[in-house]
Amino acid sequence: MAMIADAATLTLAAAGVVFFIAGTLGLLRFPDALTRLHALTKADNLGLGLIVIGLIPQTGGVWMASKLLLVWLLNNLAAATIAQLFARIALTTGRELARSEE
């Protein structure tokens, strides 16, 4: 049974890392601030979720698993709040949102 839990943890954590890399590539490659923000928040929230779900079988009990889920929930709330604030600032300042080609 421990071998199955280890394999599930490794698989889900690797998938989470892939989503973190995809979000980082979106941050670097997309043309304007709003699309970069969208790619980063979506991919990072899913990546962290996969890692947390993968770590749950490795925890000693329900208390530690609930702590991991609480961290994931708080991160999702913080990311959504910061994304909204950043998008509002980017739109209301009137600055050019597209990356300048130098």
PDB file of N, CA and C in Angstrom:
ATOM      1  N   MET A   1       0.819  -1.202   0.000  1.00  0.00           N
ATOM      2  CA  MET A   1       0.000   0.000   0.000  1.00  0.00           C
ATOM      3  C   MET A   1       0.860   1.263   0.000  1.00  0.00           C
ATOM      4  N   ALA A   2       1.977   1.209   0.713  1.00  0.00           N
ATOM      5  CA  ALA A   2       2.861   2.375   0.765  1.00  0.00           C
ATOM      6  C   ALA A   2       3.475   2.656  -0.601  1.00  0.00           C
ATOM      7  N   MET A   3       3.704   1.610  -1.365  1.00  0.00           N
ATOM      8  CA  MET A   3       4.287   1.793  -2.688  1.00  0.00           C
ATOM      9  C   MET A   3       3.307   2.514  -3.621  1.00  0.00           C
ATOM     10  N   ILE A   4       2.029   2.212  -3.492  1.00  0.00           N
ATOM     11  CA  ILE A   4       1.008   2.881  -4.305  1.00  0.00           C
ATOM     12  C   ILE A   4       0.900   4.351  -3.915  1.00  0.00           C
ATOM     13  N   ALA A   5       0.943   4.636  -2.614  1.00  0.00           N
ATOM     14  CA  ALA A   5       0.886   6.027  -2.145  1.00  0.00           C
ATOM     15  C   ALA A   5       2.101   6.805  -2.622  1.00  0.00           C
ATOM     16  N   ASP A   6       3.272   6.172  -2.594  1.00  0.00           N
ATOM     17  CA  ASP A   6       4.481   6.846  -3.074  1.00  0.00           C
ATOM     18  C   ASP A   6       4.399   7.137  -4.567  1.00  0.00           C
ATOM     19  N   ALA A   7       3.883   6.182  -5.339  1.00  0.00           N
ATOM     20  CA  ALA A   7       3.750   6.386  -6.776  1.00  0.00           C
ATOM     21  C   ALA A   7       2.742   7.496  -7.080  1.00  0.00           C
ATOM     22  N   ALA A   8       1.637   7.528  -6.338  1.00  0.00           N
ATOM     23  CA  ALA A   8       0.639   8.586  -6.539  1.00  0.00           C
ATOM     24  C   ALA A   8       1.219   9.948  -6.187  1.00  0.00           C
ATOM     25  N   THR A   9       1.981  10.011  -5.098  1.00  0.00           N
ATOM     26  CA  THR A   9       2.602  11.263  -4.694  1.00  0.00           C
ATOM     27  C   THR A   9       3.580  11.744  -5.758  1.00  0.00           C
ATOM     28  N   LEU A  10       4.405  10.849  -6.241  1.00  0.00           N
ATOM     29  CA  LEU A  10       5.392  11.218  -7.253  1.00  0.00           C
ATOM     30  C   LEU A  10       4.718  11.677  -8.542  1.00  0.00           C
ATOM     31  N   THR A  11       3.684  10.971  -8.960  1.00  0.00           N
ATOM     32  CA  THR A  11       2.987  11.321 -10.205  1.00  0.00           C
ATOM     33  C   THR A  11       2.293  12.674 -10.092  1.00  0.00           C
ATOM     34  N   LEU A  12       1.560  12.881  -9.007  1.00  0.00           N
ATOM     35  CA  LEU A  12       0.832  14.142  -8.849  1.00  0.00           C
ATOM     36  C   LEU A  12       1.775  15.322  -8.633  1.00  0.00           C
ATOM     37  N   ALA A  13       2.859  15.114  -7.894  1.00  0.00           N
ATOM     38  CA  ALA A  13       3.827  16.194  -7.697  1.00  0.00           C
ATOM     39  C   ALA A  13       4.519  16.550  -9.009  1.00  0.00           C
ATOM     40  N   ALA A  14       4.835  15.565  -9.821  1.00  0.00           N
ATOM     41  CA  ALA A  14       5.450  15.835 -11.122  1.00  0.00           C
ATOM     42  C   ALA A  14       4.483  16.596 -12.028  1.00  0.00           C
ATOM     43  N   ALA A  15       3.214  16.216 -12.000  1.00  0.00           N
ATOM     44  CA  ALA A  15       2.220  16.949 -12.791  1.00  0.00           C
ATOM     45  C   ALA A  15       2.091  18.390 -12.292  1.00  0.00           C
ATOM     46  N   GLY A  16       2.161  18.588 -10.981  1.00  0.00           N
ATOM     47  CA  GLY A  16       2.117  19.937 -10.429  1.00  0.00           C
ATOM     48  C   GLY A  16       3.296  20.781 -10.878  1.00  0.00           C
ATOM     49  N   VAL A  17       4.470  20.182 -10.929  1.00  0.00           N
ATOM     50  CA  VAL A  17       5.660  20.898 -11.397  1.00  0.00           C
ATOM     51  C   VAL A  17       5.507  21.283 -12.865  1.00  0.00           C
ATOM     52  N   VAL A  18       4.903  20.400 -13.659  1.00  0.00           N
ATOM     53  CA  VAL A  18       4.670  20.714 -15.072  1.00  0.00           C
ATOM     54  C   VAL A  18       3.761  21.934 -15.199  1.00  0.00           C
ATOM     55  N   PHE A  19       2.734  22.021 -14.363  1.00  0.00           N
ATOM     56  CA  PHE A  19       1.851  23.190 -14.418  1.00  0.00           C
ATOM     57  C   PHE A  19       2.563  24.457 -13.943  1.00  0.00           C
ATOM     58  N   PHE A  20       3.445  24.340 -12.952  1.00  0.00           N
ATOM     59  CA  PHE A  20       4.230  25.506 -12.540  1.00  0.00           C
ATOM     60  C   PHE A  20       5.112  25.991 -13.686  1.00  0.00           C
ATOM     61  N   ILE A  21       5.736  25.073 -14.406  1.00  0.00           N
ATOM     62  CA  ILE A  21       6.581  25.449 -15.541  1.00  0.00           C
ATOM     63  C   ILE A  21       5.741  26.087 -16.652  1.00  0.00           C
ATOM     64  N   ALA A  22       4.560  25.529 -16.907  1.00  0.00           N
ATOM     65  CA  ALA A  22       3.678  26.100 -17.927  1.00  0.00           C
ATOM     66  C   ALA A  22       3.251  27.519 -17.550  1.00  0.00           C
ATOM     67  N   GLY A  23       2.953  27.750 -16.279  1.00  0.00           N
ATOM     68  CA  GLY A  23       2.596  29.105 -15.844  1.00  0.00           C
ATOM     69  C   GLY A  23       3.747  30.079 -15.990  1.00  0.00           C
ATOM     70  N   THR A  24       4.947  29.624 -15.699  1.00  0.00           N
ATOM     71  CA  THR A  24       6.115  30.476 -15.847  1.00  0.00           C
ATOM     72  C   THR A  24       6.368  30.800 -17.314  1.00  0.00           C
ATOM     73  N   LEU A  25       6.214  29.815 -18.183  1.00  0.00           N
ATOM     74  CA  LEU A  25       6.369  30.083 -19.615  1.00  0.00           C
ATOM     75  C   LEU A  25       5.306  31.054 -20.116  1.00  0.00           C
ATOM     76  N   GLY A  26       4.075  30.923 -19.610  1.00  0.00           N
ATOM     77  CA  GLY A  26       3.028  31.876 -19.970  1.00  0.00           C
ATOM     78  C   GLY A  26       3.358  33.280 -19.505  1.00  0.00           C
ATOM     79  N   LEU A  27       3.945  33.383 -18.328  1.00  0.00           N
ATOM     80  CA  LEU A  27       4.356  34.689 -17.816  1.00  0.00           C
ATOM     81  C   LEU A  27       5.415  35.319 -18.713  1.00  0.00           C
ATOM     82  N   LEU A  28       6.304  34.519 -19.212  1.00  0.00           N
ATOM     83  CA  LEU A  28       7.390  35.043 -20.035  1.00  0.00           C
ATOM     84  C   LEU A  28       6.995  35.265 -21.495  1.00  0.00           C
ATOM     85  N   ARG A  29       6.033  34.510 -22.007  1.00  0.00           N
ATOM     86  CA  ARG A  29       5.763  34.526 -23.444  1.00  0.00           C
ATOM     87  C   ARG A  29       4.547  35.347 -23.869  1.00  0.00           C
ATOM     88  N   PHE A  30       3.545  35.508 -23.011  1.00  0.00           N
ATOM     89  CA  PHE A  30       2.338  36.193 -23.451  1.00  0.00           C
ATOM     90  C   PHE A  30       2.578  37.685 -23.608  1.00  0.00           C
ATOM     91  N   PRO A  31       1.802  38.343 -24.497  1.00  0.00           N
ATOM     92  CA  PRO A  31       2.143  39.712 -24.896  1.00  0.00           C
ATOM     93  C   PRO A  31       1.762  40.812 -23.918  1.00  0.00           C
ATOM     94  N   ASP A  32       0.675  40.677 -23.172  1.00  0.00           N
ATOM     95  CA  ASP A  32       0.294  41.794 -22.303  1.00  0.00           C
ATOM     96  C   ASP A  32       0.090  41.323 -20.866  1.00  0.00           C
ATOM     97  N   ALA A  33      -0.107  42.293 -19.994  1.00  0.00           N
ATOM     98  CA  ALA A  33      -0.148  42.012 -18.558  1.00  0.00           C
ATOM     99  C   ALA A  33      -1.324  41.124 -18.161  1.00  0.00           C
ATOM    100  N   LEU A  34      -2.474  41.320 -18.775  1.00  0.00           N
ATOM    101  CA  LEU A  34      -3.653  40.563 -18.363  1.00  0.00           C
ATOM    102  C   LEU A  34      -3.559  39.095 -18.768  1.00  0.00           C
ATOM    103  N   THR A  35      -3.049  38.804 -19.947  1.00  0.00           N
ATOM    104  CA  THR A  35      -2.906  37.405 -20.340  1.00  0.00           C
ATOM    105  C   THR A  35      -1.793  36.725 -19.550  1.00  0.00           C
ATOM    106  N   ARG A  36      -0.735  37.450 -19.246  1.00  0.00           N
ATOM    107  CA  ARG A  36       0.330  36.882 -18.409  1.00  0.00           C
ATOM    108  C   ARG A  36      -0.203  36.576 -17.017  1.00  0.00           C
ATOM    109  N   LEU A  37      -0.994  37.473 -16.477  1.00  0.00           N
ATOM    110  CA  LEU A  37      -1.575  37.274 -15.157  1.00  0.00           C
ATOM    111  C   LEU A  37      -2.515  36.075 -15.142  1.00  0.00           C
ATOM    112  N   HIS A  38      -3.310  35.932 -16.177  1.00  0.00           N
ATOM    113  CA  HIS A  38      -4.239  34.810 -16.267  1.00  0.00           C
ATOM    114  C   HIS A  38      -3.480  33.479 -16.318  1.00  0.00           C
ATOM    115  N   ALA A  39      -2.472  33.411 -17.153  1.00  0.00           N
ATOM    116  CA  ALA A  39      -1.705  32.169 -17.281  1.00  0.00           C
ATOM    117  C   ALA A  39      -1.021  31.808 -15.971  1.00  0.00           C
ATOM    118  N   LEU A  40      -0.478  32.777 -15.318  1.00  0.00           N
ATOM    119  CA  LEU A  40       0.259  32.515 -14.089  1.00  0.00           C
ATOM    120  C   LEU A  40      -0.652  32.067 -12.957  1.00  0.00           C
ATOM    121  N   THR A  41      -1.768  32.737 -12.753  1.00  0.00           N
ATOM    122  CA  THR A  41      -2.632  32.376 -11.624  1.00  0.00           C
ATOM    123  C   THR A  41      -3.322  31.032 -11.839  1.00  0.00           C
ATOM    124  N   LYS A  42      -3.795  30.772 -13.034  1.00  0.00           N
ATOM    125  CA  LYS A  42      -4.480  29.502 -13.279  1.00  0.00           C
ATOM    126  C   LYS A  42      -3.530  28.324 -13.143  1.00  0.00           C
ATOM    127  N   ALA A  43      -2.388  28.411 -13.798  1.00  0.00           N
ATOM    128  CA  ALA A  43      -1.455  27.284 -13.785  1.00  0.00           C
ATOM    129  C   ALA A  43      -0.858  27.065 -12.398  1.00  0.00           C
ATOM    130  N   ASP A  44      -0.538  28.126 -11.699  1.00  0.00           N
ATOM    131  CA  ASP A  44       0.062  27.969 -10.373  1.00  0.00           C
ATOM    132  C   ASP A  44      -0.938  27.410  -9.360  1.00  0.00           C
ATOM    133  N   ASN A  45      -2.193  27.836  -9.436  1.00  0.00           N
ATOM    134  CA  ASN A  45      -3.192  27.277  -8.516  1.00  0.00           C
ATOM    135  C   ASN A  45      -3.417  25.796  -8.777  1.00  0.00           C
ATOM    136  N   LEU A  46      -3.472  25.405 -10.029  1.00  0.00           N
ATOM    137  CA  LEU A  46      -3.647  23.994 -10.343  1.00  0.00           C
ATOM    138  C   LEU A  46      -2.398  23.194  -9.973  1.00  0.00           C
ATOM    139  N   GLY A  47      -1.224  23.757 -10.231  1.00  0.00           N
ATOM    140  CA  GLY A  47       0.014  23.067  -9.871  1.00  0.00           C
ATOM    141  C   GLY A  47       0.125  22.839  -8.375  1.00  0.00           C
ATOM    142  N   LEU A  48      -0.180  23.857  -7.585  1.00  0.00           N
ATOM    143  CA  LEU A  48      -0.140  23.699  -6.137  1.00  0.00           C
ATOM    144  C   LEU A  48      -1.195  22.705  -5.673  1.00  0.00           C
ATOM    145  N   GLY A  49      -2.363  22.722  -6.303  1.00  0.00           N
ATOM    146  CA  GLY A  49      -3.410  21.766  -5.947  1.00  0.00           C
ATOM    147  C   GLY A  49      -2.988  20.327  -6.194  1.00  0.00           C
ATOM    148  N   LEU A  50      -2.343  20.086  -7.315  1.00  0.00           N
ATOM    149  CA  LEU A  50      -1.873  18.734  -7.602  1.00  0.00           C
ATOM    150  C   LEU A  50      -0.797  18.295  -6.613  1.00  0.00           C
ATOM    151  N   ILE A  51       0.075  19.194  -6.251  1.00  0.00           N
ATOM    152  CA  ILE A  51       1.114  18.850  -5.281  1.00  0.00           C
ATOM    153  C   ILE A  51       0.499  18.566  -3.914  1.00  0.00           C
ATOM    154  N   VAL A  52      -0.456  19.374  -3.501  1.00  0.00           N
ATOM    155  CA  VAL A  52      -1.118  19.155  -2.207  1.00  0.00           C
ATOM    156  C   VAL A  52      -1.867  17.826  -2.203  1.00  0.00           C
ATOM    157  N   ILE A  53      -2.601  17.546  -3.277  1.00  0.00           N
ATOM    158  CA  ILE A  53      -3.327  16.272  -3.346  1.00  0.00           C
ATOM    159  C   ILE A  53      -2.348  15.100  -3.353  1.00  0.00           C
ATOM    160  N   GLY A  54      -1.207  15.289  -3.997  1.00  0.00           N
ATOM    161  CA  GLY A  54      -0.199  14.242  -3.986  1.00  0.00           C
ATOM    162  C   GLY A  54       0.438  14.031  -2.630  1.00  0.00           C
ATOM    163  N   LEU A  55       0.526  15.081  -1.826  1.00  0.00           N
ATOM    164  CA  LEU A  55       1.135  14.959  -0.501  1.00  0.00           C
ATOM    165  C   LEU A  55       0.184  14.404   0.551  1.00  0.00           C
ATOM    166  N   ILE A  56      -1.100  14.459   0.306  1.00  0.00           N
ATOM    167  CA  ILE A  56      -2.073  13.995   1.304  1.00  0.00           C
ATOM    168  C   ILE A  56      -1.855  12.538   1.713  1.00  0.00           C
ATOM    169  N   PRO A  57      -1.574  11.600   0.782  1.00  0.00           N
ATOM    170  CA  PRO A  57      -1.333  10.224   1.250  1.00  0.00           C
ATOM    171  C   PRO A  57      -0.078  10.082   2.124  1.00  0.00           C
ATOM    172  N   GLN A  58       0.824  11.030   2.068  1.00  0.00           N
ATOM    173  CA  GLN A  58       2.050  10.957   2.848  1.00  0.00           C
ATOM    174  C   GLN A  58       1.894  11.534   4.259  1.00  0.00           C
ATOM    175  N   THR A  59       0.792  12.208   4.511  1.00  0.00           N
ATOM    176  CA  THR A  59       0.581  12.797   5.836  1.00  0.00           C
ATOM    177  C   THR A  59       0.227  11.723   6.847  1.00  0.00           C
ATOM    178  N   GLY A  60       0.430  12.042   8.097  1.00  0.00           N
ATOM    179  CA  GLY A  60       0.173  11.080   9.149  1.00  0.00           C
ATOM    180  C   GLY A  60      -1.287  10.936   9.525  1.00  0.00           C
ATOM    181  N   GLY A  61      -2.101  11.882   9.146  1.00  0.00           N
ATOM    182  CA  GLY A  61      -3.500  11.795   9.541  1.00  0.00           C
ATOM    183  C   GLY A  61      -4.328  12.913   8.949  1.00  0.00           C
ATOM    184  N   VAL A  62      -5.538  13.000   9.447  1.00  0.00           N
ATOM    185  CA  VAL A  62      -6.498  13.972   8.923  1.00  0.00           C
ATOM    186  C   VAL A  62      -6.093  15.402   9.275  1.00  0.00           C
ATOM    187  N   TRP A  63      -5.497  15.598  10.437  1.00  0.00           N
ATOM    188  CA  TRP A  63      -5.124  16.946  10.865  1.00  0.00           C
ATOM    189  C   TRP A  63      -4.109  17.570   9.907  1.00  0.00           C
ATOM    190  N   MET A  64      -3.077  16.821   9.545  1.00  0.00           N
ATOM    191  CA  MET A  64      -2.059  17.354   8.635  1.00  0.00           C
ATOM    192  C   MET A  64      -2.628  17.525   7.226  1.00  0.00           C
ATOM    193  N   ALA A  65      -3.485  16.605   6.796  1.00  0.00           N
ATOM    194  CA  ALA A  65      -4.110  16.735   5.477  1.00  0.00           C
ATOM    195  C   ALA A  65      -4.993  17.976   5.419  1.00  0.00           C
ATOM    196  N   SER A  66      -5.714  18.258   6.500  1.00  0.00           N
ATOM    197  CA  SER A  66      -6.557  19.454   6.520  1.00  0.00           C
ATOM    198  C   SER A  66      -5.717  20.720   6.518  1.00  0.00           C
ATOM    199  N   LYS A  67      -4.551  20.680   7.141  1.00  0.00           N
ATOM    200  CA  LYS A  67      -3.650  21.839   7.083  1.00  0.00           C
ATOM    201  C   LYS A  67      -3.174  22.099   5.657  1.00  0.00           C
ATOM    202  N   LEU A  68      -2.827  21.035   4.951  1.00  0.00           N
ATOM    203  CA  LEU A  68      -2.404  21.194   3.559  1.00  0.00           C
ATOM    204  C   LEU A  68      -3.524  21.766   2.700  1.00  0.00           C
ATOM    205  N   LEU A  69      -4.732  21.264   2.883  1.00  0.00           N
ATOM    206  CA  LEU A  69      -5.870  21.776   2.123  1.00  0.00           C
ATOM    207  C   LEU A  69      -6.174  23.233   2.485  1.00  0.00           C
ATOM    208  N   LEU A  70      -5.983  23.593   3.745  1.00  0.00           N
ATOM    209  CA  LEU A  70      -6.187  24.978   4.159  1.00  0.00           C
ATOM    210  C   LEU A  70      -5.157  25.903   3.519  1.00  0.00           C
ATOM    211  N   VAL A  71      -3.924  25.463   3.437  1.00  0.00           N
ATOM    212  CA  VAL A  71      -2.888  26.261   2.768  1.00  0.00           C
ATOM    213  C   VAL A  71      -3.249  26.465   1.303  1.00  0.00           C
ATOM    214  N   TRP A  72      -3.727  25.403   0.650  1.00  0.00           N
ATOM    215  CA  TRP A  72      -4.115  25.512  -0.750  1.00  0.00           C
ATOM    216  C   TRP A  72      -5.285  26.489  -0.908  1.00  0.00           C
ATOM    217  N   LEU A  73      -6.267  26.395  -0.033  1.00  0.00           N
ATOM    218  CA  LEU A  73      -7.418  27.295  -0.098  1.00  0.00           C
ATOM    219  C   LEU A  73      -6.994  28.752   0.118  1.00  0.00           C
ATOM    220  N   LEU A  74      -6.165  28.987   1.110  1.00  0.00           N
ATOM    221  CA  LEU A  74      -5.709  30.361   1.370  1.00  0.00           C
ATOM    222  C   LEU A  74      -4.884  30.900   0.215  1.00  0.00           C
ATOM    223  N   ASN A  75      -4.084  30.043  -0.397  1.00  0.00           N
ATOM    224  CA  ASN A  75      -3.315  30.481  -1.554  1.00  0.00           C
ATOM    225  C   ASN A  75      -4.235  30.843  -2.714  1.00  0.00           C
ATOM    226  N   ASN A  76      -5.278  30.064  -2.937  1.00  0.00           N
ATOM    227  CA  ASN A  76      -6.222  30.378  -4.008  1.00  0.00           C
ATOM    228  C   ASN A  76      -6.928  31.712  -3.755  1.00  0.00           C
ATOM    229  N   LEU A  77      -7.317  31.952  -2.527  1.00  0.00           N
ATOM    230  CA  LEU A  77      -7.969  33.224  -2.200  1.00  0.00           C
ATOM    231  C   LEU A  77      -7.013  34.403  -2.364  1.00  0.00           C
ATOM    232  N   ALA A  78      -5.780  34.235  -1.918  1.00  0.00           N
ATOM    233  CA  ALA A  78      -4.796  35.312  -2.048  1.00  0.00           C
ATOM    234  C   ALA A  78      -4.461  35.572  -3.512  1.00  0.00           C
ATOM    235  N   ALA A  79      -4.301  34.516  -4.303  1.00  0.00           N
ATOM    236  CA  ALA A  79      -3.974  34.693  -5.718  1.00  0.00           C
ATOM    237  C   ALA A  79      -5.109  35.389  -6.461  1.00  0.00           C
ATOM    238  N   ALA A  80      -6.345  35.026  -6.151  1.00  0.00           N
ATOM    239  CA  ALA A  80      -7.481  35.672  -6.808  1.00  0.00           C
ATOM    240  C   ALA A  80      -7.567  37.149  -6.437  1.00  0.00           C
ATOM    241  N   THR A  81      -7.330  37.461  -5.177  1.00  0.00           N
ATOM    242  CA  THR A  81      -7.388  38.846  -4.731  1.00  0.00           C
ATOM    243  C   THR A  81      -6.290  39.684  -5.368  1.00  0.00           C
ATOM    244  N   ILE A  82      -5.077  39.170  -5.363  1.00  0.00           N
ATOM    245  CA  ILE A  82      -3.958  39.905  -5.956  1.00  0.00           C
ATOM    246  C   ILE A  82      -4.142  40.057  -7.460  1.00  0.00           C
ATOM    247  N   ALA A  83      -4.654  39.030  -8.119  1.00  0.00           N
ATOM    248  CA  ALA A  83      -4.884  39.117  -9.564  1.00  0.00           C
ATOM    249  C   ALA A  83      -5.912  40.193  -9.888  1.00  0.00           C
ATOM    250  N   GLN A  84      -6.979  40.272  -9.099  1.00  0.00           N
ATOM    251  CA  GLN A  84      -7.983  41.311  -9.320  1.00  0.00           C
ATOM    252  C   GLN A  84      -7.399  42.707  -9.109  1.00  0.00           C
ATOM    253  N   LEU A  85      -6.632  42.870  -8.038  1.00  0.00           N
ATOM    254  CA  LEU A  85      -6.025  44.176  -7.767  1.00  0.00           C
ATOM    255  C   LEU A  85      -5.036  44.576  -8.854  1.00  0.00           C
ATOM    256  N   PHE A  86      -4.207  43.631  -9.276  1.00  0.00           N
ATOM    257  CA  PHE A  86      -3.226  43.929 -10.313  1.00  0.00           C
ATOM    258  C   PHE A  86      -3.906  44.267 -11.633  1.00  0.00           C
ATOM    259  N   ALA A  87      -4.941  43.523 -12.000  1.00  0.00           N
ATOM    260  CA  ALA A  87      -5.643  43.794 -13.250  1.00  0.00           C
ATOM    261  C   ALA A  87      -6.337  45.152 -13.205  1.00  0.00           C
ATOM    262  N   ARG A  88      -6.927  45.487 -12.076  1.00  0.00           N
ATOM    263  CA  ARG A  88      -7.589  46.788 -11.956  1.00  0.00           C
ATOM    264  C   ARG A  88      -6.583  47.929 -12.056  1.00  0.00           C
ATOM    265  N   ILE A  89      -5.447  47.779 -11.407  1.00  0.00           N
ATOM    266  CA  ILE A  89      -4.406  48.814 -11.486  1.00  0.00           C
ATOM    267  C   ILE A  89      -3.889  48.936 -12.906  1.00  0.00           C
ATOM    268  N   ALA A  90      -3.678  47.798 -13.576  1.00  0.00           N
ATOM    269  CA  ALA A  90      -3.163  47.832 -14.945  1.00  0.00           C
ATOM    270  C   ALA A  90      -4.150  48.509 -15.881  1.00  0.00           C
ATOM    271  N   LEU A  91      -5.447  48.322 -15.658  1.00  0.00           N
ATOM    272  CA  LEU A  91      -6.443  48.932 -16.533  1.00  0.00           C
ATOM    273  C   LEU A  91      -6.697  50.402 -16.216  1.00  0.00           C
ATOM    274  N   THR A  92      -6.654  50.778 -14.951  1.00  0.00           N
ATOM    275  CA  THR A  92      -6.993  52.156 -14.594  1.00  0.00           C
ATOM    276  C   THR A  92      -5.829  53.129 -14.741  1.00  0.00           C
ATOM    277  N   THR A  93      -4.611  52.655 -14.768  1.00  0.00           N
ATOM    278  CA  THR A  93      -3.485  53.577 -14.909  1.00  0.00           C
ATOM    279  C   THR A  93      -3.341  54.084 -16.316  1.00  0.00           C
ATOM    280  N   GLY A  94      -3.913  53.375 -17.295  1.00  0.00           N
ATOM    281  CA  GLY A  94      -3.841  53.830 -18.678  1.00  0.00           C
ATOM    282  C   GLY A  94      -2.495  53.575 -19.316  1.00  0.00           C
ATOM    283  N   ARG A  95      -1.649  52.850 -18.650  1.00  0.00           N
ATOM    284  CA  ARG A  95      -0.341  52.539 -19.243  1.00  0.00           C
ATOM    285  C   ARG A  95      -0.501  51.498 -20.331  1.00  0.00           C
ATOM    286  N   GLU A  96       0.480  51.449 -21.184  1.00  0.00           N
ATOM    287  CA  GLU A  96       0.494  50.435 -22.232  1.00  0.00           C
ATOM    288  C   GLU A  96       0.638  49.064 -21.604  1.00  0.00           C
ATOM    289  N   LEU A  97      -0.328  48.175 -21.866  1.00  0.00           N
ATOM    290  CA  LEU A  97      -0.287  46.855 -21.274  1.00  0.00           C
ATOM    291  C   LEU A  97       0.573  45.885 -22.082  1.00  0.00           C
ATOM    292  N   ALA A  98       0.797  46.195 -23.337  1.00  0.00           N
ATOM    293  CA  ALA A  98       1.596  45.295 -24.159  1.00  0.00           C
ATOM    294  C   ALA A  98       3.084  45.501 -23.869  1.00  0.00           C
ATOM    295  N   ARG A  99       3.812  44.441 -24.000  1.00  0.00           N
ATOM    296  CA  ARG A  99       5.263  44.485 -23.791  1.00  0.00           C
ATOM    297  C   ARG A  99       5.889  45.249 -24.959  1.00  0.00           C
ATOM    298  N   SER A 100       6.759  46.165 -24.642  1.00  0.00           N
ATOM    299  CA  SER A 100       7.415  46.929 -25.701  1.00  0.00           C
ATOM    300  C   SER A 100       8.524  46.089 -26.310  1.00  0.00           C
ATOM    301  N   GLU A 101       8.614  46.141 -27.626  1.00  0.00           N
ATOM    302  CA  GLU A 101       9.661  45.410 -28.354  1.00  0.00           C
ATOM    303  C   GLU A 101      10.866  46.323 -28.477  1.00  0.00           C
ATOM    304  N   GLU A 102      11.916  45.952 -27.791  1.00  0.00           N
ATOM    305  CA  GLU A 102      13.122  46.798 -27.811  1.00  0.00           C
ATOM    306  C   GLU A 102      14.196  46.162 -28.627  1.00  0.00           C
TER     307      GLU A 102
END
